[in-house]
Every structure is written in structure tokens, then in C-alpha cells.
Amino acid sequence: MPYEVLLTGDARRDLEEIYDYLAGHDAAQKAHHVLDRIEAVVAKLSAFPERGAYPKELLAVGIREYRETYFKPYRVIYRVVI
């Protein structure tokens, strides 16, 4: 059963800022590519939400509520709610 993936407002703004930065400092084509790849990583969470690892800095303080996955160098931190 697929899970619903929701983005916070902050996550949406982060994606917009990444896109704008790449489009302004590199090329619009690269910005599209990076955004598409990050969105693909996020979309895969619908089928495999527990695939990510626990962020080390959160584990160090005993927090196991969040996970992380990557489209390097970009990190997606997320929470699975059942």
C-alpha cells in the first residue's frame, strides 16, 4: 500500500531556492534536472518510506523520528507517520 508523501512549506521553499540558485548560477537545464531528481527521490518514499537511514546527528541525541535519503549533495530528511 503506497504512503502519501507531503512536503512542508519549508521543504517547498527549499526546492524553489535550490532551483533558483542553479538556474541563476549555472543553467536552467541543470536546475530542471536536479529538481526532477530530488522529486523522484521523494516520490520513491511513497513505496519505500523506511528505506532511509537515521540522520547521525539526530541519533547522537536519541532522536529516531526522522530518516534521510539523498540525491547528492542534497539530503532529504523526512518523517514516516503511520
PDB file of N, CA and C in Angstrom:
ATOM      1  N   MET A   1       0.846  -1.184   0.000  1.00  0.00           N
ATOM      2  CA  MET A   1       0.000   0.000   0.000  1.00  0.00           C
ATOM      3  C   MET A   1       0.891   1.247   0.000  1.00  0.00           C
ATOM      4  N   PRO A   2       0.723   2.106  -0.975  1.00  0.00           N
ATOM      5  CA  PRO A   2       1.566   3.305  -1.036  1.00  0.00           C
ATOM      6  C   PRO A   2       1.193   4.319   0.051  1.00  0.00           C
ATOM      7  N   TYR A   3       2.210   4.995   0.522  1.00  0.00           N
ATOM      8  CA  TYR A   3       2.036   6.054   1.507  1.00  0.00           C
ATOM      9  C   TYR A   3       1.853   7.387   0.788  1.00  0.00           C
ATOM     10  N   GLU A   4       1.198   8.309   1.440  1.00  0.00           N
ATOM     11  CA  GLU A   4       1.070   9.663   0.918  1.00  0.00           C
ATOM     12  C   GLU A   4       2.296  10.453   1.350  1.00  0.00           C
ATOM     13  N   VAL A   5       2.893  11.164   0.412  1.00  0.00           N
ATOM     14  CA  VAL A   5       4.074  11.975   0.710  1.00  0.00           C
ATOM     15  C   VAL A   5       3.663  13.440   0.666  1.00  0.00           C
ATOM     16  N   LEU A   6       3.878  14.126   1.765  1.00  0.00           N
ATOM     17  CA  LEU A   6       3.533  15.542   1.863  1.00  0.00           C
ATOM     18  C   LEU A   6       4.797  16.355   2.103  1.00  0.00           C
ATOM     19  N   LEU A   7       4.893  17.498   1.475  1.00  0.00           N
ATOM     20  CA  LEU A   7       6.016  18.411   1.692  1.00  0.00           C
ATOM     21  C   LEU A   7       5.569  19.553   2.591  1.00  0.00           C
ATOM     22  N   THR A   8       6.433  19.915   3.511  1.00  0.00           N
ATOM     23  CA  THR A   8       6.143  21.088   4.340  1.00  0.00           C
ATOM     24  C   THR A   8       6.349  22.345   3.498  1.00  0.00           C
ATOM     25  N   GLY A   9       5.858  23.443   3.990  1.00  0.00           N
ATOM     26  CA  GLY A   9       6.086  24.721   3.314  1.00  0.00           C
ATOM     27  C   GLY A   9       7.565  25.038   3.216  1.00  0.00           C
ATOM     28  N   ASP A  10       8.307  24.742   4.281  1.00  0.00           N
ATOM     29  CA  ASP A  10       9.756  24.976   4.266  1.00  0.00           C
ATOM     30  C   ASP A  10      10.435  24.121   3.199  1.00  0.00           C
ATOM     31  N   ALA A  11      10.003  22.872   3.057  1.00  0.00           N
ATOM     32  CA  ALA A  11      10.595  21.995   2.041  1.00  0.00           C
ATOM     33  C   ALA A  11      10.328  22.541   0.635  1.00  0.00           C
ATOM     34  N   ARG A  12       9.132  23.021   0.397  1.00  0.00           N
ATOM     35  CA  ARG A  12       8.802  23.611  -0.920  1.00  0.00           C
ATOM     36  C   ARG A  12       9.687  24.840  -1.192  1.00  0.00           C
ATOM     37  N   ARG A  13       9.861  25.660  -0.178  1.00  0.00           N
ATOM     38  CA  ARG A  13      10.719  26.849  -0.346  1.00  0.00           C
ATOM     39  C   ARG A  13      12.165  26.441  -0.602  1.00  0.00           C
ATOM     40  N   ASP A  14      12.632  25.413   0.093  1.00  0.00           N
ATOM     41  CA  ASP A  14      13.995  24.928  -0.142  1.00  0.00           C
ATOM     42  C   ASP A  14      14.173  24.483  -1.592  1.00  0.00           C
ATOM     43  N   LEU A  15      13.203  23.753  -2.118  1.00  0.00           N
ATOM     44  CA  LEU A  15      13.282  23.301  -3.514  1.00  0.00           C
ATOM     45  C   LEU A  15      13.288  24.484  -4.477  1.00  0.00           C
ATOM     46  N   GLU A  16      12.454  25.475  -4.201  1.00  0.00           N
ATOM     47  CA  GLU A  16      12.431  26.676  -5.043  1.00  0.00           C
ATOM     48  C   GLU A  16      13.770  27.405  -4.990  1.00  0.00           C
ATOM     49  N   GLU A  17      14.344  27.502  -3.804  1.00  0.00           N
ATOM     50  CA  GLU A  17      15.634  28.190  -3.661  1.00  0.00           C
ATOM     51  C   GLU A  17      16.759  27.432  -4.357  1.00  0.00           C
ATOM     52  N   ILE A  18      16.755  26.114  -4.276  1.00  0.00           N
ATOM     53  CA  ILE A  18      17.755  25.307  -4.991  1.00  0.00           C
ATOM     54  C   ILE A  18      17.612  25.540  -6.488  1.00  0.00           C
ATOM     55  N   TYR A  19      16.379  25.479  -6.966  1.00  0.00           N
ATOM     56  CA  TYR A  19      16.128  25.687  -8.397  1.00  0.00           C
ATOM     57  C   TYR A  19      16.588  27.079  -8.834  1.00  0.00           C
ATOM     58  N   ASP A  20      16.170  28.091  -8.101  1.00  0.00           N
ATOM     59  CA  ASP A  20      16.537  29.467  -8.465  1.00  0.00           C
ATOM     60  C   ASP A  20      18.042  29.675  -8.456  1.00  0.00           C
ATOM     61  N   TYR A  21      18.718  29.123  -7.454  1.00  0.00           N
ATOM     62  CA  TYR A  21      20.172  29.272  -7.375  1.00  0.00           C
ATOM     63  C   TYR A  21      20.847  28.618  -8.581  1.00  0.00           C
ATOM     64  N   LEU A  22      20.472  27.382  -8.883  1.00  0.00           N
ATOM     65  CA  LEU A  22      21.093  26.687 -10.016  1.00  0.00           C
ATOM     66  C   LEU A  22      20.772  27.363 -11.344  1.00  0.00           C
ATOM     67  N   ALA A  23      19.545  27.817 -11.501  1.00  0.00           N
ATOM     68  CA  ALA A  23      19.158  28.489 -12.741  1.00  0.00           C
ATOM     69  C   ALA A  23      19.926  29.795 -12.907  1.00  0.00           C
ATOM     70  N   GLY A  24      20.181  30.487 -11.808  1.00  0.00           N
ATOM     71  CA  GLY A  24      20.873  31.764 -11.871  1.00  0.00           C
ATOM     72  C   GLY A  24      22.382  31.659 -11.932  1.00  0.00           C
ATOM     73  N   HIS A  25      22.959  30.593 -11.377  1.00  0.00           N
ATOM     74  CA  HIS A  25      24.404  30.465 -11.309  1.00  0.00           C
ATOM     75  C   HIS A  25      24.975  29.402 -12.239  1.00  0.00           C
ATOM     76  N   ASP A  26      24.104  28.605 -12.835  1.00  0.00           N
ATOM     77  CA  ASP A  26      24.571  27.565 -13.744  1.00  0.00           C
ATOM     78  C   ASP A  26      23.723  27.615 -15.006  1.00  0.00           C
ATOM     79  N   ALA A  27      22.720  26.764 -15.089  1.00  0.00           N
ATOM     80  CA  ALA A  27      21.852  26.750 -16.267  1.00  0.00           C
ATOM     81  C   ALA A  27      20.467  26.255 -15.866  1.00  0.00           C
ATOM     82  N   ALA A  28      19.462  26.744 -16.554  1.00  0.00           N
ATOM     83  CA  ALA A  28      18.091  26.314 -16.279  1.00  0.00           C
ATOM     84  C   ALA A  28      17.951  24.812 -16.494  1.00  0.00           C
ATOM     85  N   GLN A  29      18.649  24.271 -17.478  1.00  0.00           N
ATOM     86  CA  GLN A  29      18.583  22.833 -17.756  1.00  0.00           C
ATOM     87  C   GLN A  29      19.082  22.032 -16.552  1.00  0.00           C
ATOM     88  N   LYS A  30      20.170  22.459 -15.939  1.00  0.00           N
ATOM     89  CA  LYS A  30      20.689  21.769 -14.759  1.00  0.00           C
ATOM     90  C   LYS A  30      19.716  21.907 -13.596  1.00  0.00           C
ATOM     91  N   ALA A  31      19.128  23.085 -13.431  1.00  0.00           N
ATOM     92  CA  ALA A  31      18.155  23.301 -12.364  1.00  0.00           C
ATOM     93  C   ALA A  31      16.960  22.352 -12.524  1.00  0.00           C
ATOM     94  N   HIS A  32      16.466  22.194 -13.750  1.00  0.00           N
ATOM     95  CA  HIS A  32      15.366  21.257 -14.019  1.00  0.00           C
ATOM     96  C   HIS A  32      15.772  19.829 -13.675  1.00  0.00           C
ATOM     97  N   HIS A  33      16.973  19.446 -14.094  1.00  0.00           N
ATOM     98  CA  HIS A  33      17.463  18.089 -13.842  1.00  0.00           C
ATOM     99  C   HIS A  33      17.539  17.802 -12.341  1.00  0.00           C
ATOM    100  N   VAL A  34      18.139  18.695 -11.592  1.00  0.00           N
ATOM    101  CA  VAL A  34      18.293  18.498 -10.148  1.00  0.00           C
ATOM    102  C   VAL A  34      16.921  18.441  -9.472  1.00  0.00           C
ATOM    103  N   LEU A  35      16.040  19.345  -9.819  1.00  0.00           N
ATOM    104  CA  LEU A  35      14.703  19.349  -9.233  1.00  0.00           C
ATOM    105  C   LEU A  35      13.972  18.049  -9.563  1.00  0.00           C
ATOM    106  N   ASP A  36      14.065  17.602 -10.814  1.00  0.00           N
ATOM    107  CA  ASP A  36      13.420  16.345 -11.216  1.00  0.00           C
ATOM    108  C   ASP A  36      13.960  15.167 -10.413  1.00  0.00           C
ATOM    109  N   ARG A  37      15.265  15.114 -10.204  1.00  0.00           N
ATOM    110  CA  ARG A  37      15.881  14.003  -9.467  1.00  0.00           C
ATOM    111  C   ARG A  37      15.505  14.030  -7.990  1.00  0.00           C
ATOM    112  N   ILE A  38      15.483  15.212  -7.394  1.00  0.00           N
ATOM    113  CA  ILE A  38      15.062  15.305  -5.992  1.00  0.00           C
ATOM    114  C   ILE A  38      13.601  14.880  -5.859  1.00  0.00           C
ATOM    115  N   GLU A  39      12.759  15.335  -6.770  1.00  0.00           N
ATOM    116  CA  GLU A  39      11.346  14.955  -6.734  1.00  0.00           C
ATOM    117  C   GLU A  39      11.177  13.449  -6.922  1.00  0.00           C
ATOM    118  N   ALA A  40      12.030  12.817  -7.735  1.00  0.00           N
ATOM    119  CA  ALA A  40      11.969  11.364  -7.920  1.00  0.00           C
ATOM    120  C   ALA A  40      12.335  10.637  -6.627  1.00  0.00           C
ATOM    121  N   VAL A  41      13.348  11.141  -5.927  1.00  0.00           N
ATOM    122  CA  VAL A  41      13.736  10.554  -4.640  1.00  0.00           C
ATOM    123  C   VAL A  41      12.565  10.648  -3.661  1.00  0.00           C
ATOM    124  N   VAL A  42      11.933  11.797  -3.608  1.00  0.00           N
ATOM    125  CA  VAL A  42      10.796  12.000  -2.707  1.00  0.00           C
ATOM    126  C   VAL A  42       9.627  11.087  -3.107  1.00  0.00           C
ATOM    127  N   ALA A  43       9.371  10.963  -4.398  1.00  0.00           N
ATOM    128  CA  ALA A  43       8.263  10.122  -4.872  1.00  0.00           C
ATOM    129  C   ALA A  43       8.473   8.656  -4.492  1.00  0.00           C
ATOM    130  N   LYS A  44       9.714   8.184  -4.504  1.00  0.00           N
ATOM    131  CA  LYS A  44      10.001   6.790  -4.147  1.00  0.00           C
ATOM    132  C   LYS A  44       9.669   6.502  -2.686  1.00  0.00           C
ATOM    133  N   LEU A  45       9.629   7.531  -1.872  1.00  0.00           N
ATOM    134  CA  LEU A  45       9.287   7.336  -0.464  1.00  0.00           C
ATOM    135  C   LEU A  45       7.862   6.827  -0.298  1.00  0.00           C
ATOM    136  N   SER A  46       7.015   7.064  -1.276  1.00  0.00           N
ATOM    137  CA  SER A  46       5.646   6.584  -1.233  1.00  0.00           C
ATOM    138  C   SER A  46       5.598   5.059  -1.148  1.00  0.00           C
ATOM    139  N   ALA A  47       6.500   4.398  -1.853  1.00  0.00           N
ATOM    140  CA  ALA A  47       6.529   2.943  -1.869  1.00  0.00           C
ATOM    141  C   ALA A  47       7.469   2.363  -0.812  1.00  0.00           C
ATOM    142  N   PHE A  48       8.544   3.077  -0.519  1.00  0.00           N
ATOM    143  CA  PHE A  48       9.568   2.562   0.398  1.00  0.00           C
ATOM    144  C   PHE A  48       9.946   3.602   1.456  1.00  0.00           C
ATOM    145  N   PRO A  49       9.034   3.941   2.339  1.00  0.00           N
ATOM    146  CA  PRO A  49       9.302   5.025   3.286  1.00  0.00           C
ATOM    147  C   PRO A  49      10.384   4.715   4.315  1.00  0.00           C
ATOM    148  N   GLU A  50      10.628   3.450   4.596  1.00  0.00           N
ATOM    149  CA  GLU A  50      11.613   3.116   5.615  1.00  0.00           C
ATOM    150  C   GLU A  50      12.987   2.808   5.036  1.00  0.00           C
ATOM    151  N   ARG A  51      13.201   3.145   3.785  1.00  0.00           N
ATOM    152  CA  ARG A  51      14.473   2.843   3.136  1.00  0.00           C
ATOM    153  C   ARG A  51      15.615   3.723   3.634  1.00  0.00           C
ATOM    154  N   GLY A  52      15.306   4.892   4.109  1.00  0.00           N
ATOM    155  CA  GLY A  52      16.342   5.831   4.524  1.00  0.00           C
ATOM    156  C   GLY A  52      16.953   5.489   5.869  1.00  0.00           C
ATOM    157  N   ALA A  53      18.125   6.021   6.096  1.00  0.00           N
ATOM    158  CA  ALA A  53      18.830   5.835   7.367  1.00  0.00           C
ATOM    159  C   ALA A  53      18.432   6.942   8.334  1.00  0.00           C
ATOM    160  N   TYR A  54      18.713   6.699   9.600  1.00  0.00           N
ATOM    161  CA  TYR A  54      18.501   7.744  10.603  1.00  0.00           C
ATOM    162  C   TYR A  54      19.664   8.734  10.514  1.00  0.00           C
ATOM    163  N   PRO A  55      19.390  10.032  10.488  1.00  0.00           N
ATOM    164  CA  PRO A  55      20.482  11.011  10.468  1.00  0.00           C
ATOM    165  C   PRO A  55      21.371  10.852  11.703  1.00  0.00           C
ATOM    166  N   LYS A  56      22.671  10.773  11.476  1.00  0.00           N
ATOM    167  CA  LYS A  56      23.615  10.523  12.569  1.00  0.00           C
ATOM    168  C   LYS A  56      23.552  11.583  13.657  1.00  0.00           C
ATOM    169  N   GLU A  57      23.391  12.842  13.263  1.00  0.00           N
ATOM    170  CA  GLU A  57      23.372  13.895  14.275  1.00  0.00           C
ATOM    171  C   GLU A  57      22.127  13.824  15.153  1.00  0.00           C
ATOM    172  N   LEU A  58      21.039  13.270  14.626  1.00  0.00           N
ATOM    173  CA  LEU A  58      19.836  13.094  15.439  1.00  0.00           C
ATOM    174  C   LEU A  58      19.942  11.855  16.323  1.00  0.00           C
ATOM    175  N   LEU A  59      20.532  10.795  15.781  1.00  0.00           N
ATOM    176  CA  LEU A  59      20.758   9.601  16.593  1.00  0.00           C
ATOM    177  C   LEU A  59      21.629   9.917  17.799  1.00  0.00           C
ATOM    178  N   ALA A  60      22.596  10.809  17.599  1.00  0.00           N
ATOM    179  CA  ALA A  60      23.517  11.166  18.672  1.00  0.00           C
ATOM    180  C   ALA A  60      22.794  11.768  19.876  1.00  0.00           C
ATOM    181  N   VAL A  61      21.627  12.357  19.638  1.00  0.00           N
ATOM    182  CA  VAL A  61      20.857  12.940  20.743  1.00  0.00           C
ATOM    183  C   VAL A  61      19.586  12.125  21.025  1.00  0.00           C
ATOM    184  N   GLY A  62      19.543  10.897  20.494  1.00  0.00           N
ATOM    185  CA  GLY A  62      18.457   9.974  20.798  1.00  0.00           C
ATOM    186  C   GLY A  62      17.177  10.150  20.009  1.00  0.00           C
ATOM    187  N   ILE A  63      17.230  10.875  18.887  1.00  0.00           N
ATOM    188  CA  ILE A  63      16.017  11.092  18.084  1.00  0.00           C
ATOM    189  C   ILE A  63      15.986  10.079  16.939  1.00  0.00           C
ATOM    190  N   ARG A  64      14.910   9.271  16.901  1.00  0.00           N
ATOM    191  CA  ARG A  64      14.730   8.270  15.848  1.00  0.00           C
ATOM    192  C   ARG A  64      13.423   8.515  15.088  1.00  0.00           C
ATOM    193  N   GLU A  65      12.980   9.726  15.093  1.00  0.00           N
ATOM    194  CA  GLU A  65      11.703  10.067  14.454  1.00  0.00           C
ATOM    195  C   GLU A  65      11.862  10.372  12.969  1.00  0.00           C
ATOM    196  N   TYR A  66      13.069  10.712  12.552  1.00  0.00           N
ATOM    197  CA  TYR A  66      13.311  11.140  11.174  1.00  0.00           C
ATOM    198  C   TYR A  66      14.267  10.197  10.473  1.00  0.00           C
ATOM    199  N   ARG A  67      14.196  10.195   9.160  1.00  0.00           N
ATOM    200  CA  ARG A  67      15.098   9.429   8.310  1.00  0.00           C
ATOM    201  C   ARG A  67      15.646  10.371   7.244  1.00  0.00           C
ATOM    202  N   GLU A  68      16.626   9.865   6.493  1.00  0.00           N
ATOM    203  CA  GLU A  68      17.198  10.677   5.434  1.00  0.00           C
ATOM    204  C   GLU A  68      17.507   9.817   4.219  1.00  0.00           C
ATOM    205  N   THR A  69      17.438  10.440   3.060  1.00  0.00           N
ATOM    206  CA  THR A  69      17.857   9.836   1.807  1.00  0.00           C
ATOM    207  C   THR A  69      18.481  10.958   0.991  1.00  0.00           C
ATOM    208  N   TYR A  70      19.140  10.595  -0.103  1.00  0.00           N
ATOM    209  CA  TYR A  70      19.941  11.582  -0.829  1.00  0.00           C
ATOM    210  C   TYR A  70      19.723  11.565  -2.335  1.00  0.00           C
ATOM    211  N   PHE A  71      19.885  12.706  -2.940  1.00  0.00           N
ATOM    212  CA  PHE A  71      20.331  12.895  -4.313  1.00  0.00           C
ATOM    213  C   PHE A  71      21.501  13.844  -4.122  1.00  0.00           C
ATOM    214  N   LYS A  72      22.689  13.258  -3.975  1.00  0.00           N
ATOM    215  CA  LYS A  72      23.875  14.012  -3.546  1.00  0.00           C
ATOM    216  C   LYS A  72      24.169  15.173  -4.473  1.00  0.00           C
ATOM    217  N   PRO A  73      24.504  16.297  -3.880  1.00  0.00           N
ATOM    218  CA  PRO A  73      24.801  16.536  -2.471  1.00  0.00           C
ATOM    219  C   PRO A  73      23.574  16.917  -1.642  1.00  0.00           C
ATOM    220  N   TYR A  74      22.394  16.727  -2.184  1.00  0.00           N
ATOM    221  CA  TYR A  74      21.179  17.165  -1.499  1.00  0.00           C
ATOM    222  C   TYR A  74      20.640  16.052  -0.613  1.00  0.00           C
ATOM    223  N   ARG A  75      20.267  16.421   0.590  1.00  0.00           N
ATOM    224  CA  ARG A  75      19.747  15.464   1.562  1.00  0.00           C
ATOM    225  C   ARG A  75      18.279  15.768   1.803  1.00  0.00           C
ATOM    226  N   VAL A  76      17.478  14.713   1.792  1.00  0.00           N
ATOM    227  CA  VAL A  76      16.053  14.815   2.086  1.00  0.00           C
ATOM    228  C   VAL A  76      15.830  14.190   3.455  1.00  0.00           C
ATOM    229  N   ILE A  77      15.380  14.984   4.392  1.00  0.00           N
ATOM    230  CA  ILE A  77      15.067  14.488   5.731  1.00  0.00           C
ATOM    231  C   ILE A  77      13.542  14.397   5.826  1.00  0.00           C
ATOM    232  N   TYR A  78      13.064  13.254   6.293  1.00  0.00           N
ATOM    233  CA  TYR A  78      11.622  13.032   6.317  1.00  0.00           C
ATOM    234  C   TYR A  78      11.217  12.231   7.541  1.00  0.00           C
ATOM    235  N   ARG A  79       9.911  12.219   7.764  1.00  0.00           N
ATOM    236  CA  ARG A  79       9.335  11.501   8.887  1.00  0.00           C
ATOM    237  C   ARG A  79       8.227  10.597   8.354  1.00  0.00           C
ATOM    238  N   VAL A  80       8.181   9.367   8.826  1.00  0.00           N
ATOM    239  CA  VAL A  80       7.135   8.428   8.448  1.00  0.00           C
ATOM    240  C   VAL A  80       6.084   8.453   9.544  1.00  0.00           C
ATOM    241  N   VAL A  81       4.847   8.753   9.159  1.00  0.00           N
ATOM    242  CA  VAL A  81       3.728   8.779  10.094  1.00  0.00           C
ATOM    243  C   VAL A  81       2.734   7.711   9.649  1.00  0.00           C
ATOM    244  N   ILE A  82       2.457   6.797  10.547  1.00  0.00           N
ATOM    245  CA  ILE A  82       1.522   5.697  10.198  1.00  0.00           C
ATOM    246  C   ILE A  82       0.197   5.913  10.866  1.00  0.00           C
TER     247      ILE A  82
END
